[in-house]
Amino acid sequence: MIDVLYFAWVRERIGLPKERIETEAATVAELVEELKAREDRYALAFSDLSALRVAVDQDLTDFDAPLDGAREVAFFPPMTGG
């Protein structure tokens, strides 16, 4: 089981702040593909990965990051401001 957290407009499109899911995904990219296959709202939220950032266990990373042993994955838009 892994906790998946959604922030800002990602949360708005999916309609949940977080969920706990069972996954066989080996990487963040594979997890995204699993999520996109669930429902249209997920497909919409993950339609443009260049507009998203991801953190695994609170460490900013890339979509090719492994999920082995991860407890949490968070998706959010790029931070702006200063």
Protein backbone atom coordinates (compact mmCIF):
# COMPACT_ATOMS: atom_id res chain seq x y z
CA MET A 1 0.00 0.00 0.00
CA ILE A 2 1.13 3.49 -0.79
CA ASP A 3 -0.30 6.89 0.10
CA VAL A 4 -0.86 9.14 -2.92
CA LEU A 5 -1.28 12.85 -2.19
CA TYR A 6 -2.67 15.46 -4.58
CA PHE A 7 -2.15 19.22 -4.25
CA ALA A 8 -3.57 22.39 -5.83
CA TRP A 9 -5.32 21.86 -9.20
CA VAL A 10 -4.37 18.17 -9.22
CA ARG A 11 -6.53 17.74 -6.10
CA GLU A 12 -9.34 19.74 -7.71
CA ARG A 13 -9.37 17.61 -10.86
CA ILE A 14 -9.24 14.29 -9.01
CA GLY A 15 -11.53 15.38 -6.20
CA LEU A 16 -9.44 13.91 -3.37
CA PRO A 17 -6.60 15.25 -1.23
CA LYS A 18 -5.12 11.78 -0.77
CA GLU A 19 -5.82 8.10 -1.09
CA ARG A 20 -4.19 4.83 -0.14
CA ILE A 21 -3.78 2.47 -3.05
CA GLU A 22 -2.48 -0.97 -3.83
CA THR A 23 -0.03 -0.84 -6.72
CA GLU A 24 2.35 -3.09 -8.62
CA ALA A 25 4.10 -0.07 -10.16
CA ALA A 26 7.90 -0.10 -10.05
CA THR A 27 8.29 3.61 -10.87
CA VAL A 28 6.35 6.84 -10.48
CA ALA A 29 5.63 6.78 -14.24
CA GLU A 30 4.07 3.32 -13.95
CA LEU A 31 1.95 4.53 -11.02
CA VAL A 32 0.75 7.45 -13.14
CA GLU A 33 -0.25 5.05 -15.93
CA GLU A 34 -2.21 2.93 -13.41
CA LEU A 35 -3.98 6.02 -12.11
CA LYS A 36 -4.77 7.34 -15.61
CA ALA A 37 -6.41 4.02 -16.46
CA ARG A 38 -8.78 4.27 -13.47
CA GLU A 39 -11.12 7.06 -14.54
CA ASP A 40 -11.29 10.11 -16.79
CA ARG A 41 -10.63 12.49 -13.91
CA TYR A 42 -7.22 10.88 -13.34
CA ALA A 43 -6.46 10.89 -17.08
CA LEU A 44 -7.25 14.61 -17.13
CA ALA A 45 -5.13 15.39 -14.08
CA PHE A 46 -2.13 13.51 -15.50
CA SER A 47 -2.57 14.47 -19.16
CA ASP A 48 0.47 16.79 -19.17
CA LEU A 49 3.27 15.53 -16.92
CA SER A 50 5.44 18.52 -17.81
CA ALA A 51 2.96 20.58 -15.73
CA LEU A 52 3.53 18.39 -12.66
CA ARG A 53 6.19 17.75 -10.07
CA VAL A 54 6.46 14.65 -7.92
CA ALA A 55 7.92 13.80 -4.53
CA VAL A 56 8.53 10.31 -3.18
CA ASP A 57 8.64 10.15 0.62
CA GLN A 58 8.88 13.96 0.63
CA ASP A 59 11.96 14.07 -1.64
CA LEU A 60 11.50 15.89 -4.96
CA THR A 61 12.27 13.46 -7.76
CA ASP A 62 11.56 12.51 -11.39
CA PHE A 63 8.81 10.36 -12.87
CA ASP A 64 11.34 7.57 -13.52
CA ALA A 65 12.07 7.30 -9.78
CA PRO A 66 11.67 3.82 -8.29
CA LEU A 67 8.87 3.15 -5.81
CA ASP A 68 10.57 0.23 -4.07
CA GLY A 69 9.87 0.70 -0.37
CA ALA A 70 8.17 4.07 -0.85
CA ARG A 71 5.37 4.95 1.55
CA GLU A 72 4.14 8.18 -0.04
CA VAL A 73 3.98 9.83 -3.47
CA ALA A 74 2.83 13.43 -3.85
CA PHE A 75 1.82 15.19 -7.07
CA PHE A 76 1.72 18.99 -7.35
CA PRO A 77 2.20 21.81 -9.85
CA PRO A 78 5.58 23.59 -10.00
CA MET A 79 6.11 26.09 -7.20
CA THR A 80 6.14 29.74 -8.17
CA GLY A 81 6.87 32.92 -6.31
CA GLY A 82 9.75 33.85 -4.10
